[in-house]
Each structure stands twice: as C-alpha cells, then as structure tokens.
Amino acid sequence: SVSIPTNIAEGFERYSRKEYLNFLNIAKGSAGEVRSLLRVALEVGYLD
C-alpha cells in the first residue's frame, strides 16, 4: 500500500515523462498486489 503513493511521488519528481510513466506503472502493479493480499486476508478469516 505504501508503494502506491511513494511510486507516484518518485515518478513525479523525475525529469522525464518516460520515467514518470514507469513509476505510475509500478504504482498500478502495487494496487493489484494490495487487492490480492486483501483477498488472502479475507479468505483466511482476517477481514470481514
């Protein structure tokens, strides 16, 4: 979860559009990772 806004910030601070896009893609991947981990937490009974 921390990786999402952190990668957005790091990409924004880069000088090239290509680097910014790369960090936005990493942030998007982290959002998918969060959803997957949340599903694990639901399935094992940690989350309602």
All heavy atoms as atom14 arrays in JSON, in Angstrom:
{
  "sequence": "SVSIPTNIAEGFERYSRKEYLNFLNIAKGSAGEVRSLLRVALEVGYLD",
  "atom14_mask": [
    [1, 1, 1, 1, 1, 1, 0, 0, 0, 0, 0, 0, 0, 0],
    [1, 1, 1, 1, 1, 1, 1, 0, 0, 0, 0, 0, 0, 0],
    [1, 1, 1, 1, 1, 1, 0, 0, 0, 0, 0, 0, 0, 0],
    [1, 1, 1, 1, 1, 1, 1, 1, 0, 0, 0, 0, 0, 0],
    [1, 1, 1, 1, 1, 1, 1, 0, 0, 0, 0, 0, 0, 0],
    [1, 1, 1, 1, 1, 1, 1, 0, 0, 0, 0, 0, 0, 0],
    [1, 1, 1, 1, 1, 1, 1, 1, 0, 0, 0, 0, 0, 0],
    [1, 1, 1, 1, 1, 1, 1, 1, 0, 0, 0, 0, 0, 0],
    [1, 1, 1, 1, 1, 0, 0, 0, 0, 0, 0, 0, 0, 0],
    [1, 1, 1, 1, 1, 1, 1, 1, 1, 0, 0, 0, 0, 0],
    [1, 1, 1, 1, 0, 0, 0, 0, 0, 0, 0, 0, 0, 0],
    [1, 1, 1, 1, 1, 1, 1, 1, 1, 1, 1, 0, 0, 0],
    [1, 1, 1, 1, 1, 1, 1, 1, 1, 0, 0, 0, 0, 0],
    [1, 1, 1, 1, 1, 1, 1, 1, 1, 1, 1, 0, 0, 0],
    [1, 1, 1, 1, 1, 1, 1, 1, 1, 1, 1, 1, 0, 0],
    [1, 1, 1, 1, 1, 1, 0, 0, 0, 0, 0, 0, 0, 0],
    [1, 1, 1, 1, 1, 1, 1, 1, 1, 1, 1, 0, 0, 0],
    [1, 1, 1, 1, 1, 1, 1, 1, 1, 0, 0, 0, 0, 0],
    [1, 1, 1, 1, 1, 1, 1, 1, 1, 0, 0, 0, 0, 0],
    [1, 1, 1, 1, 1, 1, 1, 1, 1, 1, 1, 1, 0, 0],
    [1, 1, 1, 1, 1, 1, 1, 1, 0, 0, 0, 0, 0, 0],
    [1, 1, 1, 1, 1, 1, 1, 1, 0, 0, 0, 0, 0, 0],
    [1, 1, 1, 1, 1, 1, 1, 1, 1, 1, 1, 0, 0, 0],
    [1, 1, 1, 1, 1, 1, 1, 1, 0, 0, 0, 0, 0, 0],
    [1, 1, 1, 1, 1, 1, 1, 1, 0, 0, 0, 0, 0, 0],
    [1, 1, 1, 1, 1, 1, 1, 1, 0, 0, 0, 0, 0, 0],
    [1, 1, 1, 1, 1, 0, 0, 0, 0, 0, 0, 0, 0, 0],
    [1, 1, 1, 1, 1, 1, 1, 1, 1, 0, 0, 0, 0, 0],
    [1, 1, 1, 1, 0, 0, 0, 0, 0, 0, 0, 0, 0, 0],
    [1, 1, 1, 1, 1, 1, 0, 0, 0, 0, 0, 0, 0, 0],
    [1, 1, 1, 1, 1, 0, 0, 0, 0, 0, 0, 0, 0, 0],
    [1, 1, 1, 1, 0, 0, 0, 0, 0, 0, 0, 0, 0, 0],
    [1, 1, 1, 1, 1, 1, 1, 1, 1, 0, 0, 0, 0, 0],
    [1, 1, 1, 1, 1, 1, 1, 0, 0, 0, 0, 0, 0, 0],
    [1, 1, 1, 1, 1, 1, 1, 1, 1, 1, 1, 0, 0, 0],
    [1, 1, 1, 1, 1, 1, 0, 0, 0, 0, 0, 0, 0, 0],
    [1, 1, 1, 1, 1, 1, 1, 1, 0, 0, 0, 0, 0, 0],
    [1, 1, 1, 1, 1, 1, 1, 1, 0, 0, 0, 0, 0, 0],
    [1, 1, 1, 1, 1, 1, 1, 1, 1, 1, 1, 0, 0, 0],
    [1, 1, 1, 1, 1, 1, 1, 0, 0, 0, 0, 0, 0, 0],
    [1, 1, 1, 1, 1, 0, 0, 0, 0, 0, 0, 0, 0, 0],
    [1, 1, 1, 1, 1, 1, 1, 1, 0, 0, 0, 0, 0, 0],
    [1, 1, 1, 1, 1, 1, 1, 1, 1, 0, 0, 0, 0, 0],
    [1, 1, 1, 1, 1, 1, 1, 0, 0, 0, 0, 0, 0, 0],
    [1, 1, 1, 1, 0, 0, 0, 0, 0, 0, 0, 0, 0, 0],
    [1, 1, 1, 1, 1, 1, 1, 1, 1, 1, 1, 1, 0, 0],
    [1, 1, 1, 1, 1, 1, 1, 1, 0, 0, 0, 0, 0, 0],
    [1, 1, 1, 1, 1, 1, 1, 1, 0, 0, 0, 0, 0, 0]
  ],
  "atom14_positions": [
    [[0.83, -1.21, 0.0], [0.0, 0.0, 0.0], [0.86, 1.26, 0.0], [0.59, 2.21, -0.73], [-0.98, 0.0, 1.18], [-0.33, 0.13, 2.41], [0.0, 0.0, 0.0], [0.0, 0.0, 0.0], [0.0, 0.0, 0.0], [0.0, 0.0, 0.0], [0.0, 0.0, 0.0], [0.0, 0.0, 0.0], [0.0, 0.0, 0.0], [0.0, 0.0, 0.0]],
    [[1.92, 1.27, 0.79], [2.83, 2.43, 0.83], [3.51, 2.65, -0.52], [3.78, 3.78, -0.92], [3.87, 2.26, 1.96], [5.01, 3.26, 1.83], [3.21, 2.37, 3.32], [0.0, 0.0, 0.0], [0.0, 0.0, 0.0], [0.0, 0.0, 0.0], [0.0, 0.0, 0.0], [0.0, 0.0, 0.0], [0.0, 0.0, 0.0], [0.0, 0.0, 0.0]],
    [[3.73, 1.57, -1.23], [4.39, 1.64, -2.53], [3.59, 2.45, -3.55], [4.17, 3.07, -4.45], [4.62, 0.22, -3.06], [5.22, 0.25, -4.32], [0.0, 0.0, 0.0], [0.0, 0.0, 0.0], [0.0, 0.0, 0.0], [0.0, 0.0, 0.0], [0.0, 0.0, 0.0], [0.0, 0.0, 0.0], [0.0, 0.0, 0.0], [0.0, 0.0, 0.0]],
    [[2.27, 2.48, -3.41], [1.44, 3.18, -4.4], [1.73, 4.69, -4.4], [2.22, 5.22, -5.4], [-0.05, 2.87, -4.2], [-0.32, 1.37, -4.36], [-0.9, 3.68, -5.2], [-1.69, 0.92, -3.88], [0.0, 0.0, 0.0], [0.0, 0.0, 0.0], [0.0, 0.0, 0.0], [0.0, 0.0, 0.0], [0.0, 0.0, 0.0], [0.0, 0.0, 0.0]],
    [[1.46, 5.42, -3.3], [1.74, 6.86, -3.35], [3.23, 7.18, -3.44], [3.62, 8.21, -4.02], [1.13, 7.4, -2.06], [1.08, 6.23, -1.14], [0.86, 5.03, -2.02], [0.0, 0.0, 0.0], [0.0, 0.0, 0.0], [0.0, 0.0, 0.0], [0.0, 0.0, 0.0], [0.0, 0.0, 0.0], [0.0, 0.0, 0.0], [0.0, 0.0, 0.0]],
    [[4.06, 6.3, -2.91], [5.51, 6.55, -2.96], [6.02, 6.51, -4.4], [6.83, 7.37, -4.79], [6.25, 5.51, -2.09], [5.74, 5.6, -0.75], [7.74, 5.75, -2.1], [0.0, 0.0, 0.0], [0.0, 0.0, 0.0], [0.0, 0.0, 0.0], [0.0, 0.0, 0.0], [0.0, 0.0, 0.0], [0.0, 0.0, 0.0], [0.0, 0.0, 0.0]],
    [[5.57, 5.56, -5.18], [6.0, 5.5, -6.58], [5.41, 6.63, -7.41], [6.07, 7.14, -8.32], [5.65, 4.14, -7.19], [6.72, 3.12, -6.88], [7.85, 3.23, -7.33], [6.38, 2.14, -6.05], [0.0, 0.0, 0.0], [0.0, 0.0, 0.0], [0.0, 0.0, 0.0], [0.0, 0.0, 0.0], [0.0, 0.0, 0.0], [0.0, 0.0, 0.0]],
    [[4.19, 7.05, -7.08], [3.61, 8.22, -7.77], [4.5, 9.44, -7.5], [4.85, 10.19, -8.42], [2.17, 8.47, -7.29], [1.26, 7.32, -7.74], [1.66, 9.82, -7.81], [-0.09, 7.3, -7.05], [0.0, 0.0, 0.0], [0.0, 0.0, 0.0], [0.0, 0.0, 0.0], [0.0, 0.0, 0.0], [0.0, 0.0, 0.0], [0.0, 0.0, 0.0]],
    [[4.88, 9.63, -6.23], [5.72, 10.77, -5.86], [7.09, 10.69, -6.52], [7.58, 11.68, -7.08], [5.88, 10.82, -4.34], [0.0, 0.0, 0.0], [0.0, 0.0, 0.0], [0.0, 0.0, 0.0], [0.0, 0.0, 0.0], [0.0, 0.0, 0.0], [0.0, 0.0, 0.0], [0.0, 0.0, 0.0], [0.0, 0.0, 0.0], [0.0, 0.0, 0.0]],
    [[7.71, 9.51, -6.47], [9.05, 9.38, -7.05], [9.02, 9.63, -8.55], [9.88, 10.32, -9.09], [9.62, 7.99, -6.76], [11.07, 7.87, -7.2], [11.74, 6.61, -6.72], [11.17, 5.86, -5.9], [12.88, 6.37, -7.19], [0.0, 0.0, 0.0], [0.0, 0.0, 0.0], [0.0, 0.0, 0.0], [0.0, 0.0, 0.0], [0.0, 0.0, 0.0]],
    [[8.02, 9.1, -9.22], [7.91, 9.33, -10.67], [7.67, 10.78, -11.0], [8.25, 11.32, -11.95], [0.0, 0.0, 0.0], [0.0, 0.0, 0.0], [0.0, 0.0, 0.0], [0.0, 0.0, 0.0], [0.0, 0.0, 0.0], [0.0, 0.0, 0.0], [0.0, 0.0, 0.0], [0.0, 0.0, 0.0], [0.0, 0.0, 0.0], [0.0, 0.0, 0.0]],
    [[6.84, 11.45, -10.22], [6.55, 12.86, -10.45], [7.82, 13.7, -10.36], [8.0, 14.66, -11.09], [5.52, 13.35, -9.43], [5.05, 14.75, -9.66], [3.94, 15.01, -10.44], [5.72, 15.82, -9.08], [3.51, 16.31, -10.66], [5.3, 17.13, -9.29], [4.19, 17.38, -10.08], [0.0, 0.0, 0.0], [0.0, 0.0, 0.0], [0.0, 0.0, 0.0]],
    [[8.71, 13.33, -9.44], [9.93, 14.09, -9.22], [11.02, 13.8, -10.25], [12.05, 14.47, -10.26], [10.47, 13.82, -7.81], [9.58, 14.35, -6.7], [9.48, 15.87, -6.69], [10.49, 16.55, -6.98], [8.39, 16.38, -6.37], [0.0, 0.0, 0.0], [0.0, 0.0, 0.0], [0.0, 0.0, 0.0], [0.0, 0.0, 0.0], [0.0, 0.0, 0.0]],
    [[10.82, 12.82, -11.11], [11.79, 12.52, -12.16], [11.68, 13.56, -13.28], [10.68, 14.24, -13.42], [11.56, 11.12, -12.72], [11.74, 10.01, -11.72], [13.2, 9.92, -11.29], [13.38, 8.91, -10.26], [14.19, 7.88, -10.39], [14.89, 7.7, -11.49], [14.32, 7.02, -9.4], [0.0, 0.0, 0.0], [0.0, 0.0, 0.0], [0.0, 0.0, 0.0]],
    [[12.72, 13.61, -14.1], [12.78, 14.63, -15.14], [12.14, 14.23, -16.45], [11.83, 15.06, -17.27], [14.22, 15.07, -15.38], [14.71, 15.99, -14.28], [15.53, 15.52, -13.26], [14.31, 17.31, -14.25], [15.95, 16.35, -12.25], [14.73, 18.16, -13.23], [15.55, 17.67, -12.24], [15.96, 18.49, -11.25], [0.0, 0.0, 0.0], [0.0, 0.0, 0.0]],
    [[11.94, 12.95, -16.68], [11.4, 12.56, -17.98], [10.03, 11.94, -17.85], [9.69, 11.31, -16.85], [12.35, 11.59, -18.69], [12.23, 10.29, -18.14], [0.0, 0.0, 0.0], [0.0, 0.0, 0.0], [0.0, 0.0, 0.0], [0.0, 0.0, 0.0], [0.0, 0.0, 0.0], [0.0, 0.0, 0.0], [0.0, 0.0, 0.0], [0.0, 0.0, 0.0]],
    [[9.25, 12.13, -18.87], [7.91, 11.56, -18.96], [7.99, 10.03, -18.93], [7.16, 9.37, -18.31], [7.27, 12.04, -20.26], [5.8, 11.84, -20.36], [5.28, 12.5, -21.62], [5.23, 13.94, -21.42], [4.18, 14.7, -21.63], [3.08, 14.14, -22.06], [4.21, 15.97, -21.42], [0.0, 0.0, 0.0], [0.0, 0.0, 0.0], [0.0, 0.0, 0.0]],
    [[9.0, 9.48, -19.6], [9.17, 8.03, -19.64], [9.37, 7.46, -18.23], [8.78, 6.44, -17.88], [10.35, 7.67, -20.54], [10.6, 6.19, -20.68], [11.78, 5.92, -21.6], [12.07, 4.44, -21.65], [13.24, 4.12, -22.46], [0.0, 0.0, 0.0], [0.0, 0.0, 0.0], [0.0, 0.0, 0.0], [0.0, 0.0, 0.0], [0.0, 0.0, 0.0]],
    [[10.2, 8.12, -17.43], [10.42, 7.66, -16.06], [9.15, 7.79, -15.23], [8.82, 6.9, -14.44], [11.55, 8.45, -15.4], [12.93, 8.07, -15.88], [14.0, 8.86, -15.15], [14.03, 10.1, -15.31], [14.77, 8.24, -14.41], [0.0, 0.0, 0.0], [0.0, 0.0, 0.0], [0.0, 0.0, 0.0], [0.0, 0.0, 0.0], [0.0, 0.0, 0.0]],
    [[8.43, 8.89, -15.4], [7.18, 9.1, -14.67], [6.21, 7.97, -14.98], [5.61, 7.38, -14.08], [6.6, 10.46, -15.06], [5.37, 10.88, -14.3], [5.19, 10.58, -12.96], [4.38, 11.62, -14.93], [4.06, 10.99, -12.26], [3.24, 12.03, -14.25], [3.08, 11.71, -12.92], [1.97, 12.11, -12.24], [0.0, 0.0, 0.0], [0.0, 0.0, 0.0]],
    [[6.07, 7.65, -16.27], [5.17, 6.56, -16.67], [5.6, 5.23, -16.06], [4.75, 4.44, -15.63], [5.13, 6.45, -18.19], [4.29, 7.51, -18.9], [4.55, 7.47, -20.4], [2.81, 7.33, -18.6], [0.0, 0.0, 0.0], [0.0, 0.0, 0.0], [0.0, 0.0, 0.0], [0.0, 0.0, 0.0], [0.0, 0.0, 0.0], [0.0, 0.0, 0.0]],
    [[6.89, 4.99, -16.01], [7.38, 3.75, -15.42], [6.96, 3.64, -13.95], [6.48, 2.59, -13.51], [8.9, 3.66, -15.55], [9.45, 2.36, -15.03], [8.95, 1.28, -15.35], [10.47, 2.44, -14.19], [0.0, 0.0, 0.0], [0.0, 0.0, 0.0], [0.0, 0.0, 0.0], [0.0, 0.0, 0.0], [0.0, 0.0, 0.0], [0.0, 0.0, 0.0]],
    [[7.1, 4.71, -13.2], [6.73, 4.69, -11.79], [5.21, 4.6, -11.6], [4.74, 3.98, -10.65], [7.31, 5.89, -11.05], [8.76, 5.7, -10.71], [9.76, 6.19, -11.53], [9.13, 5.0, -9.57], [11.1, 6.01, -11.22], [10.47, 4.81, -9.25], [11.45, 5.31, -10.08], [0.0, 0.0, 0.0], [0.0, 0.0, 0.0], [0.0, 0.0, 0.0]],
    [[4.44, 5.2, -12.51], [2.99, 5.05, -12.44], [2.6, 3.6, -12.68], [1.69, 3.08, -12.02], [2.29, 5.96, -13.46], [2.38, 7.46, -13.21], [1.68, 8.22, -14.34], [1.77, 7.83, -11.86], [0.0, 0.0, 0.0], [0.0, 0.0, 0.0], [0.0, 0.0, 0.0], [0.0, 0.0, 0.0], [0.0, 0.0, 0.0], [0.0, 0.0, 0.0]],
    [[3.28, 2.93, -13.59], [3.03, 1.51, -13.84], [3.38, 0.66, -12.62], [2.66, -0.29, -12.29], [3.79, 1.03, -15.07], [3.05, 1.32, -16.35], [1.96, 0.79, -16.58], [3.62, 2.17, -17.18], [0.0, 0.0, 0.0], [0.0, 0.0, 0.0], [0.0, 0.0, 0.0], [0.0, 0.0, 0.0], [0.0, 0.0, 0.0], [0.0, 0.0, 0.0]],
    [[4.46, 0.99, -11.95], [4.83, 0.26, -10.73], [3.76, 0.47, -9.66], [3.34, -0.47, -8.97], [6.22, 0.69, -10.22], [7.3, 0.25, -11.23], [6.5, 0.13, -8.83], [8.67, 0.88, -10.99], [0.0, 0.0, 0.0], [0.0, 0.0, 0.0], [0.0, 0.0, 0.0], [0.0, 0.0, 0.0], [0.0, 0.0, 0.0], [0.0, 0.0, 0.0]],
    [[3.28, 1.71, -9.51], [2.23, 2.0, -8.54], [0.97, 1.21, -8.87], [0.31, 0.67, -7.96], [1.92, 3.51, -8.53], [0.0, 0.0, 0.0], [0.0, 0.0, 0.0], [0.0, 0.0, 0.0], [0.0, 0.0, 0.0], [0.0, 0.0, 0.0], [0.0, 0.0, 0.0], [0.0, 0.0, 0.0], [0.0, 0.0, 0.0], [0.0, 0.0, 0.0]],
    [[0.63, 1.11, -10.14], [-0.55, 0.35, -10.56], [-0.38, -1.13, -10.2], [-1.32, -1.79, -9.73], [-0.81, 0.52, -12.05], [-2.11, -0.1, -12.52], [-2.39, 0.27, -13.95], [-3.67, -0.32, -14.5], [-4.28, -1.42, -13.85], [0.0, 0.0, 0.0], [0.0, 0.0, 0.0], [0.0, 0.0, 0.0], [0.0, 0.0, 0.0], [0.0, 0.0, 0.0]],
    [[0.81, -1.66, -10.41], [1.08, -3.04, -10.02], [0.93, -3.25, -8.52], [0.4, -4.27, -8.07], [0.0, 0.0, 0.0], [0.0, 0.0, 0.0], [0.0, 0.0, 0.0], [0.0, 0.0, 0.0], [0.0, 0.0, 0.0], [0.0, 0.0, 0.0], [0.0, 0.0, 0.0], [0.0, 0.0, 0.0], [0.0, 0.0, 0.0], [0.0, 0.0, 0.0]],
    [[1.37, -2.28, -7.74], [1.23, -2.36, -6.28], [-0.24, -2.33, -5.86], [-0.62, -2.99, -4.89], [1.99, -1.23, -5.6], [3.38, -1.39, -5.81], [0.0, 0.0, 0.0], [0.0, 0.0, 0.0], [0.0, 0.0, 0.0], [0.0, 0.0, 0.0], [0.0, 0.0, 0.0], [0.0, 0.0, 0.0], [0.0, 0.0, 0.0], [0.0, 0.0, 0.0]],
    [[-1.07, -1.59, -6.6], [-2.51, -1.58, -6.29], [-3.1, -2.98, -6.51], [-3.93, -3.44, -5.72], [-3.23, -0.54, -7.16], [0.0, 0.0, 0.0], [0.0, 0.0, 0.0], [0.0, 0.0, 0.0], [0.0, 0.0, 0.0], [0.0, 0.0, 0.0], [0.0, 0.0, 0.0], [0.0, 0.0, 0.0], [0.0, 0.0, 0.0], [0.0, 0.0, 0.0]],
    [[-2.65, -3.67, -7.55], [-3.09, -5.04, -7.77], [-2.59, -5.97, -6.67], [-3.32, -6.87, -6.23], [0.0, 0.0, 0.0], [0.0, 0.0, 0.0], [0.0, 0.0, 0.0], [0.0, 0.0, 0.0], [0.0, 0.0, 0.0], [0.0, 0.0, 0.0], [0.0, 0.0, 0.0], [0.0, 0.0, 0.0], [0.0, 0.0, 0.0], [0.0, 0.0, 0.0]],
    [[-1.37, -5.76, -6.24], [-0.82, -6.57, -5.15], [-1.64, -6.38, -3.87], [-1.94, -7.36, -3.17], [0.64, -6.18, -4.9], [1.31, -7.01, -3.83], [2.77, -6.63, -3.6], [3.28, -5.7, -4.26], [3.39, -7.27, -2.73], [0.0, 0.0, 0.0], [0.0, 0.0, 0.0], [0.0, 0.0, 0.0], [0.0, 0.0, 0.0], [0.0, 0.0, 0.0]],
    [[-2.02, -5.15, -3.58], [-2.85, -4.88, -2.4], [-4.17, -5.64, -2.5], [-4.59, -6.29, -1.53], [-3.1, -3.35, -2.22], [-4.21, -3.09, -1.21], [-1.82, -2.65, -1.81], [0.0, 0.0, 0.0], [0.0, 0.0, 0.0], [0.0, 0.0, 0.0], [0.0, 0.0, 0.0], [0.0, 0.0, 0.0], [0.0, 0.0, 0.0], [0.0, 0.0, 0.0]],
    [[-4.81, -5.59, -3.66], [-6.08, -6.29, -3.82], [-5.92, -7.8, -3.61], [-6.75, -8.44, -2.98], [-6.69, -6.0, -5.2], [-7.21, -4.58, -5.28], [-8.05, -4.22, -6.48], [-8.22, -5.22, -7.49], [-7.63, -5.2, -8.69], [-6.8, -4.22, -9.01], [-7.88, -6.15, -9.57], [0.0, 0.0, 0.0], [0.0, 0.0, 0.0], [0.0, 0.0, 0.0]],
    [[-4.85, -8.34, -4.13], [-4.6, -9.78, -3.97], [-4.37, -10.13, -2.5], [-4.91, -11.12, -1.99], [-3.39, -10.19, -4.81], [-3.11, -11.56, -4.65], [0.0, 0.0, 0.0], [0.0, 0.0, 0.0], [0.0, 0.0, 0.0], [0.0, 0.0, 0.0], [0.0, 0.0, 0.0], [0.0, 0.0, 0.0], [0.0, 0.0, 0.0], [0.0, 0.0, 0.0]],
    [[-3.58, -9.34, -1.81], [-3.31, -9.59, -0.39], [-4.55, -9.41, 0.47], [-4.76, -10.15, 1.44], [-2.18, -8.68, 0.1], [-0.8, -8.95, -0.51], [0.14, -7.79, -0.24], [-0.23, -10.25, 0.01], [0.0, 0.0, 0.0], [0.0, 0.0, 0.0], [0.0, 0.0, 0.0], [0.0, 0.0, 0.0], [0.0, 0.0, 0.0], [0.0, 0.0, 0.0]],
    [[-5.39, -8.46, 0.11], [-6.65, -8.29, 0.82], [-7.53, -9.53, 0.65], [-8.19, -9.97, 1.6], [-7.41, -7.05, 0.31], [-6.82, -5.7, 0.71], [-7.49, -4.57, -0.07], [-6.94, -5.47, 2.21], [0.0, 0.0, 0.0], [0.0, 0.0, 0.0], [0.0, 0.0, 0.0], [0.0, 0.0, 0.0], [0.0, 0.0, 0.0], [0.0, 0.0, 0.0]],
    [[-7.51, -10.1, -0.55], [-8.3, -11.32, -0.78], [-7.79, -12.47, 0.08], [-8.56, -13.25, 0.63], [-8.28, -11.69, -2.27], [-9.13, -12.87, -2.62], [-10.59, -12.62, -2.21], [-11.41, -13.77, -2.41], [-12.37, -13.83, -3.3], [-12.64, -12.78, -4.08], [-13.09, -14.93, -3.42], [0.0, 0.0, 0.0], [0.0, 0.0, 0.0], [0.0, 0.0, 0.0]],
    [[-6.46, -12.58, 0.19], [-5.88, -13.6, 1.06], [-6.38, -13.39, 2.5], [-6.81, -14.34, 3.16], [-4.33, -13.58, 1.0], [-3.73, -14.47, 2.09], [-3.85, -14.01, -0.38], [0.0, 0.0, 0.0], [0.0, 0.0, 0.0], [0.0, 0.0, 0.0], [0.0, 0.0, 0.0], [0.0, 0.0, 0.0], [0.0, 0.0, 0.0], [0.0, 0.0, 0.0]],
    [[-6.32, -12.14, 2.97], [-6.76, -11.83, 4.34], [-8.24, -12.17, 4.54], [-8.62, -12.67, 5.6], [-6.49, -10.36, 4.66], [0.0, 0.0, 0.0], [0.0, 0.0, 0.0], [0.0, 0.0, 0.0], [0.0, 0.0, 0.0], [0.0, 0.0, 0.0], [0.0, 0.0, 0.0], [0.0, 0.0, 0.0], [0.0, 0.0, 0.0], [0.0, 0.0, 0.0]],
    [[-9.05, -11.94, 3.52], [-10.46, -12.31, 3.6], [-10.62, -13.83, 3.67], [-11.34, -14.34, 4.53], [-11.22, -11.77, 2.37], [-12.68, -12.21, 2.25], [-13.53, -11.55, 3.33], [-13.21, -11.91, 0.85], [0.0, 0.0, 0.0], [0.0, 0.0, 0.0], [0.0, 0.0, 0.0], [0.0, 0.0, 0.0], [0.0, 0.0, 0.0], [0.0, 0.0, 0.0]],
    [[-9.93, -14.53, 2.8], [-10.08, -15.99, 2.69], [-9.63, -16.72, 3.96], [-10.19, -17.76, 4.29], [-9.32, -16.52, 1.48], [-9.88, -16.05, 0.14], [-11.27, -16.57, -0.15], [-11.62, -17.69, 0.28], [-12.03, -15.85, -0.83], [0.0, 0.0, 0.0], [0.0, 0.0, 0.0], [0.0, 0.0, 0.0], [0.0, 0.0, 0.0], [0.0, 0.0, 0.0]],
    [[-8.64, -16.19, 4.65], [-8.17, -16.86, 5.87], [-8.89, -16.35, 7.12], [-8.56, -16.75, 8.23], [-6.63, -16.77, 6.04], [-5.92, -17.45, 4.87], [-6.16, -15.34, 6.21], [0.0, 0.0, 0.0], [0.0, 0.0, 0.0], [0.0, 0.0, 0.0], [0.0, 0.0, 0.0], [0.0, 0.0, 0.0], [0.0, 0.0, 0.0], [0.0, 0.0, 0.0]],
    [[-9.85, -15.46, 6.92], [-10.68, -15.01, 8.03], [-10.16, -13.82, 8.81], [-10.66, -13.53, 9.89], [0.0, 0.0, 0.0], [0.0, 0.0, 0.0], [0.0, 0.0, 0.0], [0.0, 0.0, 0.0], [0.0, 0.0, 0.0], [0.0, 0.0, 0.0], [0.0, 0.0, 0.0], [0.0, 0.0, 0.0], [0.0, 0.0, 0.0], [0.0, 0.0, 0.0]],
    [[-9.16, -13.12, 8.29], [-8.62, -11.95, 8.98], [-9.47, -10.69, 8.76], [-9.41, -9.77, 9.56], [-7.2, -11.65, 8.53], [-6.17, -12.68, 8.92], [-4.92, -12.67, 8.31], [-6.4, -13.65, 9.9], [-3.93, -13.59, 8.66], [-5.43, -14.57, 10.25], [-4.2, -14.54, 9.62], [-3.23, -15.44, 9.96], [0.0, 0.0, 0.0], [0.0, 0.0, 0.0]],
    [[-10.18, -10.63, 7.64], [-11.02, -9.48, 7.33], [-12.46, -9.94, 7.16], [-12.69, -11.02, 6.59], [-10.58, -8.8, 6.03], [-9.24, -8.08, 5.99], [-8.97, -7.55, 4.59], [-9.19, -6.95, 7.0], [0.0, 0.0, 0.0], [0.0, 0.0, 0.0], [0.0, 0.0, 0.0], [0.0, 0.0, 0.0], [0.0, 0.0, 0.0], [0.0, 0.0, 0.0]],
    [[-13.4, -9.11, 7.57], [-14.8, -9.42, 7.27], [-15.12, -8.88, 5.87], [-14.35, -8.1, 5.3], [-15.73, -8.84, 8.34], [-15.64, -7.32, 8.49], [-15.23, -6.63, 7.55], [-15.99, -6.83, 9.58], [0.0, 0.0, 0.0], [0.0, 0.0, 0.0], [0.0, 0.0, 0.0], [0.0, 0.0, 0.0], [0.0, 0.0, 0.0], [0.0, 0.0, 0.0]]
  ]
}
